C-alpha cells in the first residue's frame, strides 16, 4: 500500500524549517534509505557543498517529487 505524498509538506514555511537539510534528513523526507538519497544527490536532487558537508536544498526535494508525479501521471495516460 502506498501512502500519498504531501508535496506541500516539503515547501511549507515554518519556524525552524531549514532551507538546507542533510542527506539523511532528505532521505527521511523522501522515505528512502540514506544510500538511495546519496545516489539521488549525484544527479537528481539539488545539493550544495558547505565546507566538507553535502547539504540538500529542501526546495530541490519538492521539485524532485513533483517531477516523479509528472512522470507517473504521464505514464498513466
N, C-alpha and C. Protein backbone atom coordinates (compact mmCIF):
# COMPACT_ATOMS: atom_id res chain seq x y z
N UNK A 1 0.84 -1.17 0.00
CA UNK A 1 0.00 0.00 0.00
C UNK A 1 0.88 1.24 0.00
N UNK A 2 0.61 2.15 -0.91
CA UNK A 2 1.36 3.39 -1.00
C UNK A 2 0.67 4.49 -0.24
N UNK A 3 1.45 5.25 0.50
CA UNK A 3 0.91 6.42 1.18
C UNK A 3 1.00 7.61 0.24
N UNK A 4 0.02 8.50 0.27
CA UNK A 4 0.09 9.67 -0.60
C UNK A 4 1.25 10.58 -0.17
N UNK A 5 1.88 11.21 -1.16
CA UNK A 5 2.99 12.11 -0.90
C UNK A 5 2.43 13.52 -0.75
N UNK A 6 2.73 14.14 0.36
CA UNK A 6 2.29 15.51 0.62
C UNK A 6 3.38 16.46 0.17
N UNK A 7 3.32 16.92 -1.09
CA UNK A 7 4.36 17.80 -1.61
C UNK A 7 4.33 19.17 -0.94
N UNK A 8 3.19 19.56 -0.41
CA UNK A 8 3.13 20.84 0.30
C UNK A 8 3.91 20.80 1.60
N UNK A 9 4.02 19.64 2.21
CA UNK A 9 4.78 19.49 3.45
C UNK A 9 6.25 19.85 3.23
N UNK A 10 6.74 19.58 2.02
CA UNK A 10 8.14 19.84 1.73
C UNK A 10 8.44 21.33 1.56
N UNK A 11 7.44 22.13 1.21
CA UNK A 11 7.71 23.54 0.94
C UNK A 11 7.00 24.48 1.91
N UNK A 12 6.23 23.96 2.84
CA UNK A 12 5.50 24.78 3.78
C UNK A 12 6.47 25.51 4.71
N UNK A 13 6.45 26.86 4.70
CA UNK A 13 7.38 27.57 5.59
C UNK A 13 6.95 27.47 7.05
N UNK A 14 7.91 27.20 7.91
CA UNK A 14 7.68 27.12 9.34
C UNK A 14 8.91 27.66 10.05
N UNK A 15 8.71 28.08 11.27
CA UNK A 15 9.85 28.48 12.06
C UNK A 15 10.70 27.24 12.30
N UNK A 16 11.99 27.37 12.05
CA UNK A 16 12.88 26.22 12.24
C UNK A 16 12.88 25.26 11.07
N UNK A 17 12.25 25.63 9.96
CA UNK A 17 12.22 24.79 8.77
C UNK A 17 13.40 25.20 7.90
N UNK A 18 14.50 24.45 7.93
CA UNK A 18 15.71 24.87 7.24
C UNK A 18 15.60 24.82 5.73
N UNK A 19 16.34 25.70 5.08
CA UNK A 19 16.41 25.72 3.63
C UNK A 19 17.25 24.55 3.15
N UNK A 20 18.29 24.23 3.90
CA UNK A 20 19.17 23.11 3.57
C UNK A 20 19.00 22.02 4.62
N UNK A 21 18.97 20.78 4.15
CA UNK A 21 18.86 19.64 5.06
C UNK A 21 20.00 18.66 4.76
N UNK A 22 20.33 17.84 5.72
CA UNK A 22 21.35 16.82 5.49
C UNK A 22 20.80 15.76 4.55
N UNK A 23 21.70 14.97 4.01
CA UNK A 23 21.26 13.89 3.12
C UNK A 23 20.39 12.91 3.90
N UNK A 24 20.71 12.67 5.15
CA UNK A 24 19.89 11.79 5.99
C UNK A 24 18.49 12.34 6.20
N UNK A 25 18.39 13.66 6.42
CA UNK A 25 17.08 14.28 6.58
C UNK A 25 16.29 14.24 5.28
N UNK A 26 16.97 14.45 4.15
CA UNK A 26 16.31 14.35 2.85
C UNK A 26 15.79 12.93 2.63
N UNK A 27 16.58 11.95 3.05
CA UNK A 27 16.14 10.55 2.95
C UNK A 27 14.87 10.35 3.76
N UNK A 28 14.80 10.95 4.94
CA UNK A 28 13.60 10.85 5.76
C UNK A 28 12.40 11.51 5.11
N UNK A 29 12.61 12.67 4.50
CA UNK A 29 11.51 13.35 3.81
C UNK A 29 10.97 12.51 2.66
N UNK A 30 11.89 11.85 1.96
CA UNK A 30 11.50 11.04 0.80
C UNK A 30 11.11 9.61 1.18
N UNK A 31 11.32 9.24 2.43
CA UNK A 31 11.03 7.88 2.92
C UNK A 31 11.84 6.83 2.16
N UNK A 32 13.14 7.15 1.93
CA UNK A 32 14.07 6.22 1.30
C UNK A 32 15.28 6.09 2.22
N UNK A 33 16.13 5.15 1.94
CA UNK A 33 17.33 4.97 2.73
C UNK A 33 18.40 6.00 2.40
N UNK A 34 19.39 6.12 3.30
CA UNK A 34 20.46 7.09 3.08
C UNK A 34 21.26 6.79 1.82
N UNK A 35 21.50 5.52 1.54
CA UNK A 35 22.25 5.16 0.34
C UNK A 35 21.52 5.63 -0.91
N UNK A 36 20.22 5.41 -0.96
CA UNK A 36 19.41 5.87 -2.10
C UNK A 36 19.46 7.39 -2.19
N UNK A 37 19.38 8.07 -1.05
CA UNK A 37 19.43 9.54 -1.05
C UNK A 37 20.77 10.03 -1.59
N UNK A 38 21.87 9.40 -1.20
CA UNK A 38 23.17 9.80 -1.73
C UNK A 38 23.25 9.56 -3.24
N UNK A 39 22.65 8.49 -3.73
CA UNK A 39 22.62 8.24 -5.17
C UNK A 39 21.81 9.33 -5.88
N UNK A 40 20.73 9.78 -5.27
CA UNK A 40 19.92 10.84 -5.86
C UNK A 40 20.67 12.17 -5.87
N UNK A 41 21.49 12.41 -4.87
CA UNK A 41 22.26 13.65 -4.79
C UNK A 41 23.23 13.75 -5.97
N UNK A 42 23.70 12.63 -6.47
CA UNK A 42 24.66 12.64 -7.57
C UNK A 42 24.07 13.30 -8.82
N UNK A 43 22.78 13.15 -9.07
CA UNK A 43 22.28 13.73 -10.30
C UNK A 43 20.85 14.20 -10.30
N UNK A 44 20.08 13.89 -9.26
CA UNK A 44 18.66 14.21 -9.33
C UNK A 44 18.18 15.17 -8.25
N UNK A 45 18.87 15.22 -7.14
CA UNK A 45 18.50 16.13 -6.06
C UNK A 45 19.48 17.29 -6.04
N UNK A 46 18.94 18.48 -5.99
CA UNK A 46 19.77 19.67 -5.93
C UNK A 46 20.46 19.74 -4.56
N UNK A 47 21.79 19.89 -4.58
CA UNK A 47 22.53 19.94 -3.32
C UNK A 47 23.68 20.93 -3.46
N UNK A 48 24.21 21.32 -2.32
CA UNK A 48 25.34 22.24 -2.28
C UNK A 48 26.37 21.70 -1.29
N UNK A 49 27.59 22.14 -1.47
CA UNK A 49 28.64 21.76 -0.54
C UNK A 49 28.91 22.96 0.36
N UNK A 50 28.81 22.74 1.65
CA UNK A 50 29.10 23.77 2.65
C UNK A 50 30.23 23.22 3.51
N UNK A 51 31.40 23.78 3.32
CA UNK A 51 32.57 23.21 3.99
C UNK A 51 32.82 21.82 3.46
N UNK A 52 32.85 20.86 4.35
CA UNK A 52 33.04 19.47 3.94
C UNK A 52 31.73 18.70 3.84
N UNK A 53 30.63 19.38 4.15
CA UNK A 53 29.32 18.71 4.17
C UNK A 53 28.56 18.90 2.86
N UNK A 54 27.83 17.89 2.46
CA UNK A 54 26.93 17.97 1.33
C UNK A 54 25.53 18.13 1.89
N UNK A 55 24.86 19.23 1.54
CA UNK A 55 23.52 19.50 2.03
C UNK A 55 22.55 19.58 0.86
N UNK A 56 21.35 19.10 1.08
CA UNK A 56 20.32 19.06 0.05
C UNK A 56 19.42 20.29 0.20
N UNK A 57 19.12 20.91 -0.93
CA UNK A 57 18.22 22.06 -0.94
C UNK A 57 16.80 21.52 -0.77
N UNK A 58 16.13 21.98 0.28
CA UNK A 58 14.79 21.47 0.59
C UNK A 58 13.83 21.66 -0.59
N UNK A 59 13.90 22.80 -1.24
CA UNK A 59 13.05 23.07 -2.40
C UNK A 59 13.35 22.08 -3.53
N UNK A 60 14.61 21.65 -3.62
CA UNK A 60 15.00 20.66 -4.62
C UNK A 60 14.33 19.32 -4.39
N UNK A 61 14.10 18.97 -3.13
CA UNK A 61 13.38 17.73 -2.80
C UNK A 61 11.96 17.82 -3.33
N UNK A 62 11.32 18.97 -3.11
CA UNK A 62 9.95 19.15 -3.59
C UNK A 62 9.90 19.07 -5.12
N UNK A 63 10.86 19.70 -5.79
CA UNK A 63 10.90 19.66 -7.25
C UNK A 63 11.11 18.23 -7.76
N UNK A 64 11.95 17.47 -7.06
CA UNK A 64 12.18 16.08 -7.44
C UNK A 64 10.88 15.28 -7.34
N UNK A 65 10.15 15.46 -6.25
CA UNK A 65 8.88 14.75 -6.07
C UNK A 65 7.87 15.19 -7.12
N UNK A 66 7.81 16.50 -7.41
CA UNK A 66 6.91 16.99 -8.45
C UNK A 66 7.23 16.34 -9.79
N UNK A 67 8.52 16.20 -10.11
CA UNK A 67 8.93 15.54 -11.35
C UNK A 67 8.50 14.08 -11.39
N UNK A 68 8.63 13.39 -10.26
CA UNK A 68 8.18 11.99 -10.19
C UNK A 68 6.68 11.89 -10.44
N UNK A 69 5.93 12.81 -9.83
CA UNK A 69 4.48 12.81 -10.01
C UNK A 69 4.10 13.08 -11.46
N UNK A 70 4.79 14.00 -12.11
CA UNK A 70 4.51 14.30 -13.51
C UNK A 70 4.81 13.10 -14.40
N UNK A 71 5.94 12.43 -14.15
CA UNK A 71 6.28 11.23 -14.94
C UNK A 71 5.25 10.14 -14.72
N UNK A 72 4.82 9.97 -13.48
CA UNK A 72 3.86 8.94 -13.16
C UNK A 72 2.51 9.23 -13.81
N UNK A 73 2.09 10.49 -13.75
CA UNK A 73 0.82 10.87 -14.37
C UNK A 73 0.87 10.74 -15.89
N UNK A 74 2.00 11.06 -16.49
CA UNK A 74 2.15 10.95 -17.94
C UNK A 74 2.09 9.49 -18.39
N UNK A 75 2.65 8.58 -17.59
CA UNK A 75 2.66 7.17 -17.97
C UNK A 75 1.29 6.52 -17.78
N UNK A 76 0.44 7.13 -16.95
CA UNK A 76 -0.89 6.57 -16.73
C UNK A 76 -1.88 6.96 -17.81
N UNK A 77 -1.53 7.98 -18.60
CA UNK A 77 -2.45 8.47 -19.64
C UNK A 77 -2.41 7.59 -20.84
